[in-house]
Amino acid sequence: AEVRRLLTWFERRFTDEVNAVLLHERMEKPLLRLGPPEARALRAGREALKSHLAMMEGLLARRDALAGRRISQADIVAAAHLSVLDYFGEVAWASWPGLKTWYMKLKSRPSFRPLLADRFPGVQASAWYQDLDF
């Protein structure tokens, strides 16, 4: 039940409040030539991201993985969402030590590495994006 709850949360709330805002401004606008990112939208997306990261940090303070003791589909989905934001340097990892450790473990898995090879034309990945032990 916890895995399903978290999957729904990522696919609805995280997508609507964070990805729809930040990725629109950072990825879709340049791709579609819709002008520069809007500062107000970026601030709103970053504030929403902070609240979601705080929730995840809280879960990981009590658990080994997001939904419990073992890695589940919830962790994989969460890591995929965070990977895109990490590419653009949107996650302040120093503020979320438990989340950073969790993400480093997932990022180091062989099955996750193809995500790290993806590139967005015209946008340089963050300096630590491919570093497994950032």
N, C-alpha and C. Protein backbone atom coordinates (compact mmCIF):
# COMPACT_ATOMS: atom_id res chain seq x y z
N ALA A 1 0.83 -1.20 0.00
CA ALA A 1 0.00 0.00 0.00
C ALA A 1 0.87 1.26 0.00
N GLU A 2 1.98 1.22 0.74
CA GLU A 2 2.86 2.40 0.79
C GLU A 2 3.53 2.66 -0.55
N VAL A 3 3.91 1.62 -1.23
CA VAL A 3 4.49 1.78 -2.57
C VAL A 3 3.48 2.44 -3.49
N ARG A 4 2.26 1.96 -3.49
CA ARG A 4 1.21 2.53 -4.36
C ARG A 4 0.93 3.99 -3.99
N ARG A 5 0.91 4.29 -2.69
CA ARG A 5 0.66 5.68 -2.25
C ARG A 5 1.75 6.60 -2.79
N LEU A 6 3.01 6.17 -2.67
CA LEU A 6 4.12 7.00 -3.14
C LEU A 6 4.14 7.12 -4.66
N LEU A 7 3.81 6.05 -5.36
CA LEU A 7 3.74 6.13 -6.82
C LEU A 7 2.70 7.15 -7.26
N THR A 8 1.55 7.12 -6.62
CA THR A 8 0.49 8.08 -6.95
C THR A 8 0.94 9.49 -6.62
N TRP A 9 1.58 9.65 -5.49
CA TRP A 9 2.08 10.97 -5.08
C TRP A 9 3.05 11.53 -6.11
N PHE A 10 3.99 10.70 -6.59
CA PHE A 10 4.95 11.16 -7.59
C PHE A 10 4.28 11.46 -8.92
N GLU A 11 3.38 10.59 -9.32
CA GLU A 11 2.76 10.77 -10.63
C GLU A 11 1.74 11.91 -10.65
N ARG A 12 1.23 12.29 -9.51
CA ARG A 12 0.25 13.39 -9.47
C ARG A 12 0.85 14.65 -8.87
N ARG A 13 1.09 14.64 -7.58
CA ARG A 13 1.52 15.87 -6.89
C ARG A 13 2.90 16.34 -7.34
N PHE A 14 3.89 15.45 -7.32
CA PHE A 14 5.24 15.86 -7.69
C PHE A 14 5.26 16.33 -9.14
N THR A 15 4.61 15.60 -10.00
CA THR A 15 4.57 15.98 -11.41
C THR A 15 3.90 17.33 -11.60
N ASP A 16 2.74 17.53 -10.97
CA ASP A 16 2.01 18.79 -11.14
C ASP A 16 2.70 19.98 -10.49
N GLU A 17 3.22 19.80 -9.28
CA GLU A 17 3.75 20.92 -8.52
C GLU A 17 5.22 21.24 -8.82
N VAL A 18 5.98 20.24 -9.25
CA VAL A 18 7.41 20.45 -9.47
C VAL A 18 7.77 20.32 -10.94
N ASN A 19 7.60 19.13 -11.49
CA ASN A 19 8.04 18.89 -12.87
C ASN A 19 7.32 19.75 -13.89
N ALA A 20 6.03 19.90 -13.74
CA ALA A 20 5.28 20.70 -14.72
C ALA A 20 5.75 22.15 -14.74
N VAL A 21 6.27 22.61 -13.64
CA VAL A 21 6.75 24.00 -13.55
C VAL A 21 8.22 24.08 -13.95
N LEU A 22 9.08 23.39 -13.21
CA LEU A 22 10.52 23.51 -13.45
C LEU A 22 10.94 22.98 -14.81
N LEU A 23 10.41 21.85 -15.19
CA LEU A 23 10.82 21.28 -16.49
C LEU A 23 10.23 22.06 -17.66
N HIS A 24 9.07 22.65 -17.45
CA HIS A 24 8.53 23.52 -18.50
C HIS A 24 9.47 24.71 -18.71
N GLU A 25 9.86 25.34 -17.61
CA GLU A 25 10.72 26.52 -17.70
C GLU A 25 12.13 26.19 -18.17
N ARG A 26 12.70 25.08 -17.70
CA ARG A 26 14.09 24.77 -17.98
C ARG A 26 14.29 23.94 -19.26
N MET A 27 13.27 23.16 -19.66
CA MET A 27 13.44 22.23 -20.76
C MET A 27 12.52 22.56 -21.94
N GLU A 28 11.22 22.67 -21.68
CA GLU A 28 10.28 22.85 -22.79
C GLU A 28 10.39 24.22 -23.44
N LYS A 29 10.51 25.27 -22.64
CA LYS A 29 10.60 26.61 -23.22
C LYS A 29 11.78 26.76 -24.18
N PRO A 30 12.99 26.35 -23.78
CA PRO A 30 14.09 26.46 -24.75
C PRO A 30 13.89 25.59 -25.99
N LEU A 31 13.36 24.39 -25.79
CA LEU A 31 13.15 23.48 -26.90
C LEU A 31 12.14 24.05 -27.91
N LEU A 32 11.08 24.66 -27.39
CA LEU A 32 10.02 25.20 -28.23
C LEU A 32 10.23 26.68 -28.58
N ARG A 33 11.34 27.22 -28.12
CA ARG A 33 11.68 28.64 -28.36
C ARG A 33 10.55 29.56 -27.88
N LEU A 34 10.16 29.35 -26.64
CA LEU A 34 9.09 30.16 -26.04
C LEU A 34 9.62 31.29 -25.16
N GLY A 35 10.90 31.57 -25.28
CA GLY A 35 11.49 32.65 -24.50
C GLY A 35 12.23 32.13 -23.28
N PRO A 36 12.76 33.06 -22.50
CA PRO A 36 13.55 32.68 -21.32
C PRO A 36 12.67 32.17 -20.19
N PRO A 37 13.26 31.44 -19.26
CA PRO A 37 12.49 30.98 -18.10
C PRO A 37 11.95 32.16 -17.29
N GLU A 38 10.78 31.99 -16.73
CA GLU A 38 10.15 33.02 -15.89
C GLU A 38 10.63 32.86 -14.46
N ALA A 39 11.20 33.90 -13.90
CA ALA A 39 11.75 33.83 -12.53
C ALA A 39 10.68 33.46 -11.51
N ARG A 40 9.50 34.00 -11.63
CA ARG A 40 8.42 33.72 -10.68
C ARG A 40 8.03 32.23 -10.70
N ALA A 41 7.95 31.66 -11.89
CA ALA A 41 7.61 30.24 -12.02
C ALA A 41 8.73 29.37 -11.46
N LEU A 42 9.98 29.74 -11.74
CA LEU A 42 11.11 28.97 -11.20
C LEU A 42 11.10 29.00 -9.67
N ARG A 43 10.85 30.16 -9.07
CA ARG A 43 10.79 30.25 -7.61
C ARG A 43 9.68 29.36 -7.05
N ALA A 44 8.52 29.38 -7.67
CA ALA A 44 7.39 28.56 -7.21
C ALA A 44 7.72 27.07 -7.32
N GLY A 45 8.30 26.66 -8.42
CA GLY A 45 8.67 25.27 -8.61
C GLY A 45 9.73 24.82 -7.62
N ARG A 46 10.68 25.70 -7.34
CA ARG A 46 11.75 25.37 -6.39
C ARG A 46 11.22 25.28 -4.97
N GLU A 47 10.27 26.13 -4.62
CA GLU A 47 9.66 26.05 -3.29
C GLU A 47 8.88 24.75 -3.14
N ALA A 48 8.14 24.38 -4.17
CA ALA A 48 7.40 23.11 -4.13
C ALA A 48 8.37 21.94 -4.03
N LEU A 49 9.47 22.02 -4.77
CA LEU A 49 10.48 20.95 -4.72
C LEU A 49 11.02 20.79 -3.31
N LYS A 50 11.31 21.89 -2.63
CA LYS A 50 11.82 21.82 -1.26
C LYS A 50 10.87 21.06 -0.34
N SER A 51 9.58 21.34 -0.46
CA SER A 51 8.63 20.64 0.43
C SER A 51 8.57 19.15 0.12
N HIS A 52 8.66 18.79 -1.13
CA HIS A 52 8.66 17.38 -1.50
C HIS A 52 9.94 16.68 -1.05
N LEU A 53 11.07 17.37 -1.20
CA LEU A 53 12.34 16.79 -0.76
C LEU A 53 12.36 16.61 0.76
N ALA A 54 11.77 17.56 1.47
CA ALA A 54 11.68 17.44 2.94
C ALA A 54 10.86 16.21 3.33
N MET A 55 9.78 15.97 2.62
CA MET A 55 8.96 14.79 2.89
C MET A 55 9.76 13.51 2.64
N MET A 56 10.50 13.48 1.55
CA MET A 56 11.30 12.30 1.22
C MET A 56 12.42 12.12 2.25
N GLU A 57 13.06 13.20 2.64
CA GLU A 57 14.11 13.13 3.66
C GLU A 57 13.55 12.56 4.96
N GLY A 58 12.33 12.98 5.31
CA GLY A 58 11.68 12.46 6.51
C GLY A 58 11.41 10.96 6.43
N LEU A 59 10.96 10.51 5.28
CA LEU A 59 10.72 9.08 5.10
C LEU A 59 12.02 8.29 5.25
N LEU A 60 13.08 8.81 4.66
CA LEU A 60 14.35 8.10 4.67
C LEU A 60 15.05 8.17 6.03
N ALA A 61 14.62 9.06 6.89
CA ALA A 61 15.17 9.11 8.25
C ALA A 61 14.68 7.92 9.07
N ARG A 62 13.53 7.37 8.67
CA ARG A 62 12.92 6.26 9.40
C ARG A 62 13.01 4.92 8.67
N ARG A 63 13.44 4.95 7.42
CA ARG A 63 13.42 3.74 6.59
C ARG A 63 14.70 3.64 5.76
N ASP A 64 14.97 2.45 5.27
CA ASP A 64 16.11 2.25 4.37
C ASP A 64 15.78 2.67 2.94
N ALA A 65 14.52 2.60 2.58
CA ALA A 65 14.05 2.98 1.25
C ALA A 65 12.77 3.79 1.45
N LEU A 66 12.26 4.39 0.40
CA LEU A 66 11.10 5.28 0.55
C LEU A 66 9.88 4.59 1.13
N ALA A 67 9.62 3.37 0.71
CA ALA A 67 8.39 2.69 1.14
C ALA A 67 8.63 1.67 2.25
N GLY A 68 9.86 1.49 2.67
CA GLY A 68 10.11 0.48 3.70
C GLY A 68 11.56 0.06 3.77
N ARG A 69 11.76 -1.24 4.02
CA ARG A 69 13.11 -1.77 4.20
C ARG A 69 13.87 -2.02 2.91
N ARG A 70 13.14 -2.30 1.83
CA ARG A 70 13.80 -2.65 0.56
C ARG A 70 13.44 -1.68 -0.55
N ILE A 71 14.34 -1.59 -1.52
CA ILE A 71 14.07 -0.77 -2.70
C ILE A 71 12.85 -1.31 -3.42
N SER A 72 11.98 -0.41 -3.83
CA SER A 72 10.76 -0.80 -4.51
C SER A 72 10.57 0.07 -5.76
N GLN A 73 9.47 -0.14 -6.40
CA GLN A 73 9.13 0.66 -7.57
C GLN A 73 9.05 2.14 -7.19
N ALA A 74 8.65 2.45 -5.97
CA ALA A 74 8.58 3.84 -5.52
C ALA A 74 9.95 4.51 -5.58
N ASP A 75 10.99 3.79 -5.19
CA ASP A 75 12.35 4.34 -5.22
C ASP A 75 12.81 4.58 -6.65
N ILE A 76 12.50 3.66 -7.52
CA ILE A 76 12.92 3.78 -8.92
C ILE A 76 12.23 4.97 -9.58
N VAL A 77 10.94 5.11 -9.35
CA VAL A 77 10.19 6.23 -9.93
C VAL A 77 10.70 7.55 -9.35
N ALA A 78 10.89 7.60 -8.04
CA ALA A 78 11.39 8.82 -7.40
C ALA A 78 12.76 9.20 -7.95
N ALA A 79 13.64 8.23 -8.07
CA ALA A 79 15.00 8.49 -8.57
C ALA A 79 14.97 8.98 -10.02
N ALA A 80 14.07 8.46 -10.81
CA ALA A 80 13.96 8.92 -12.20
C ALA A 80 13.50 10.38 -12.25
N HIS A 81 12.53 10.73 -11.41
CA HIS A 81 12.08 12.13 -11.34
C HIS A 81 13.23 13.04 -10.89
N LEU A 82 13.94 12.62 -9.86
CA LEU A 82 15.04 13.43 -9.34
C LEU A 82 16.20 13.52 -10.31
N SER A 83 16.40 12.49 -11.10
CA SER A 83 17.49 12.49 -12.06
C SER A 83 17.35 13.63 -13.06
N VAL A 84 16.15 13.86 -13.54
CA VAL A 84 15.92 14.95 -14.49
C VAL A 84 16.22 16.29 -13.82
N LEU A 85 15.74 16.47 -12.60
CA LEU A 85 15.98 17.71 -11.88
C LEU A 85 17.47 17.88 -11.55
N ASP A 86 18.13 16.77 -11.24
CA ASP A 86 19.56 16.79 -10.96
C ASP A 86 20.35 17.20 -12.20
N TYR A 87 19.91 16.75 -13.35
CA TYR A 87 20.57 17.12 -14.61
C TYR A 87 20.66 18.64 -14.74
N PHE A 88 19.58 19.32 -14.37
CA PHE A 88 19.51 20.78 -14.45
C PHE A 88 20.08 21.47 -13.21
N GLY A 89 20.59 20.70 -12.26
CA GLY A 89 21.17 21.29 -11.05
C GLY A 89 20.14 21.87 -10.10
N GLU A 90 18.92 21.35 -10.12
CA GLU A 90 17.84 21.90 -9.31
C GLU A 90 17.77 21.35 -7.89
N VAL A 91 18.53 20.31 -7.58
CA VAL A 91 18.45 19.72 -6.24
C VAL A 91 19.69 20.14 -5.45
N ALA A 92 19.46 20.83 -4.33
CA ALA A 92 20.55 21.26 -3.44
C ALA A 92 20.85 20.10 -2.50
N TRP A 93 21.66 19.16 -2.97
CA TRP A 93 21.89 17.91 -2.24
C TRP A 93 22.45 18.13 -0.85
N ALA A 94 23.25 19.16 -0.63
CA ALA A 94 23.84 19.40 0.69
C ALA A 94 22.77 19.61 1.76
N SER A 95 21.61 20.06 1.37
CA SER A 95 20.51 20.29 2.32
C SER A 95 19.76 19.02 2.69
N TRP A 96 19.99 17.95 1.96
CA TRP A 96 19.23 16.71 2.13
C TRP A 96 20.19 15.52 2.23
N PRO A 97 20.95 15.37 3.31
CA PRO A 97 21.98 14.32 3.38
C PRO A 97 21.43 12.89 3.28
N GLY A 98 20.31 12.61 3.91
CA GLY A 98 19.73 11.27 3.82
C GLY A 98 19.27 10.96 2.41
N LEU A 99 18.65 11.93 1.77
CA LEU A 99 18.18 11.77 0.40
C LEU A 99 19.36 11.62 -0.56
N LYS A 100 20.42 12.36 -0.31
CA LYS A 100 21.61 12.28 -1.16
C LYS A 100 22.22 10.88 -1.08
N THR A 101 22.34 10.34 0.12
CA THR A 101 22.90 8.99 0.29
C THR A 101 22.04 7.96 -0.43
N TRP A 102 20.72 8.07 -0.26
CA TRP A 102 19.77 7.17 -0.93
C TRP A 102 19.92 7.27 -2.45
N TYR A 103 20.01 8.51 -2.97
CA TYR A 103 20.12 8.72 -4.41
C TYR A 103 21.45 8.19 -4.94
N MET A 104 22.53 8.37 -4.18
CA MET A 104 23.83 7.83 -4.62
C MET A 104 23.78 6.32 -4.76
N LYS A 105 23.09 5.65 -3.83
CA LYS A 105 22.96 4.19 -3.90
C LYS A 105 22.20 3.78 -5.17
N LEU A 106 21.11 4.47 -5.45
CA LEU A 106 20.33 4.13 -6.64
C LEU A 106 21.08 4.50 -7.92
N LYS A 107 21.73 5.63 -7.89
CA LYS A 107 22.48 6.11 -9.04
C LYS A 107 23.63 5.16 -9.39
N SER A 108 24.15 4.45 -8.40
CA SER A 108 25.26 3.53 -8.61
C SER A 108 24.84 2.17 -9.15
N ARG A 109 23.57 1.90 -9.18
CA ARG A 109 23.08 0.61 -9.68
C ARG A 109 23.26 0.54 -11.20
N PRO A 110 23.74 -0.58 -11.72
CA PRO A 110 23.93 -0.71 -13.17
C PRO A 110 22.67 -0.40 -13.98
N SER A 111 21.51 -0.75 -13.46
CA SER A 111 20.26 -0.50 -14.20
C SER A 111 19.92 0.98 -14.31
N PHE A 112 20.52 1.81 -13.48
CA PHE A 112 20.23 3.25 -13.49
C PHE A 112 21.16 4.02 -14.42
N ARG A 113 22.30 3.45 -14.72
CA ARG A 113 23.33 4.16 -15.49
C ARG A 113 22.89 4.64 -16.87
N PRO A 114 22.02 3.92 -17.60
CA PRO A 114 21.59 4.46 -18.90
C PRO A 114 20.90 5.82 -18.78
N LEU A 115 20.21 6.07 -17.66
CA LEU A 115 19.61 7.39 -17.45
C LEU A 115 20.67 8.48 -17.42
N LEU A 116 21.81 8.17 -16.81
CA LEU A 116 22.88 9.16 -16.68
C LEU A 116 23.57 9.46 -17.99
N ALA A 117 23.35 8.64 -18.98
CA ALA A 117 23.94 8.86 -20.30
C ALA A 117 23.07 9.78 -21.17
N ASP A 118 21.80 9.96 -20.79
CA ASP A 118 20.91 10.83 -21.56
C ASP A 118 21.39 12.27 -21.53
N ARG A 119 21.22 12.97 -22.62
CA ARG A 119 21.59 14.37 -22.71
C ARG A 119 20.46 15.17 -23.35
N PHE A 120 20.35 16.42 -22.93
CA PHE A 120 19.37 17.35 -23.49
C PHE A 120 20.13 18.32 -24.38
N PRO A 121 19.78 18.37 -25.67
CA PRO A 121 20.53 19.22 -26.61
C PRO A 121 20.59 20.69 -26.15
N GLY A 122 21.81 21.21 -26.16
CA GLY A 122 21.99 22.62 -25.84
C GLY A 122 22.08 22.95 -24.36
N VAL A 123 21.93 21.94 -23.49
CA VAL A 123 22.00 22.19 -22.05
C VAL A 123 23.03 21.25 -21.44
N GLN A 124 24.01 21.84 -20.80
CA GLN A 124 25.06 21.07 -20.12
C GLN A 124 24.48 20.48 -18.83
N ALA A 125 24.77 19.22 -18.57
CA ALA A 125 24.35 18.58 -17.32
C ALA A 125 25.11 19.20 -16.15
N SER A 126 24.52 19.15 -14.96
CA SER A 126 25.22 19.65 -13.78
C SER A 126 26.55 18.92 -13.64
N ALA A 127 27.51 19.56 -12.99
CA ALA A 127 28.87 19.02 -12.89
C ALA A 127 28.90 17.66 -12.21
N TRP A 128 27.99 17.40 -11.30
CA TRP A 128 27.98 16.15 -10.53
C TRP A 128 27.02 15.11 -11.09
N TYR A 129 26.34 15.39 -12.17
CA TYR A 129 25.29 14.53 -12.68
C TYR A 129 25.73 13.08 -12.89
N GLN A 130 26.87 12.86 -13.50
CA GLN A 130 27.33 11.50 -13.77
C GLN A 130 28.20 10.94 -12.66
N ASP A 131 28.60 11.76 -11.71
CA ASP A 131 29.45 11.32 -10.60
C ASP A 131 28.63 10.46 -9.64
N LEU A 132 29.00 9.21 -9.49
CA LEU A 132 28.22 8.30 -8.65
C LEU A 132 28.39 8.58 -7.16
N ASP A 133 29.50 9.16 -6.77
CA ASP A 133 29.77 9.46 -5.37
C ASP A 133 29.90 10.97 -5.16
N PHE A 134 28.96 11.69 -5.68
CA PHE A 134 29.04 13.14 -5.60
C PHE A 134 28.88 13.58 -4.17
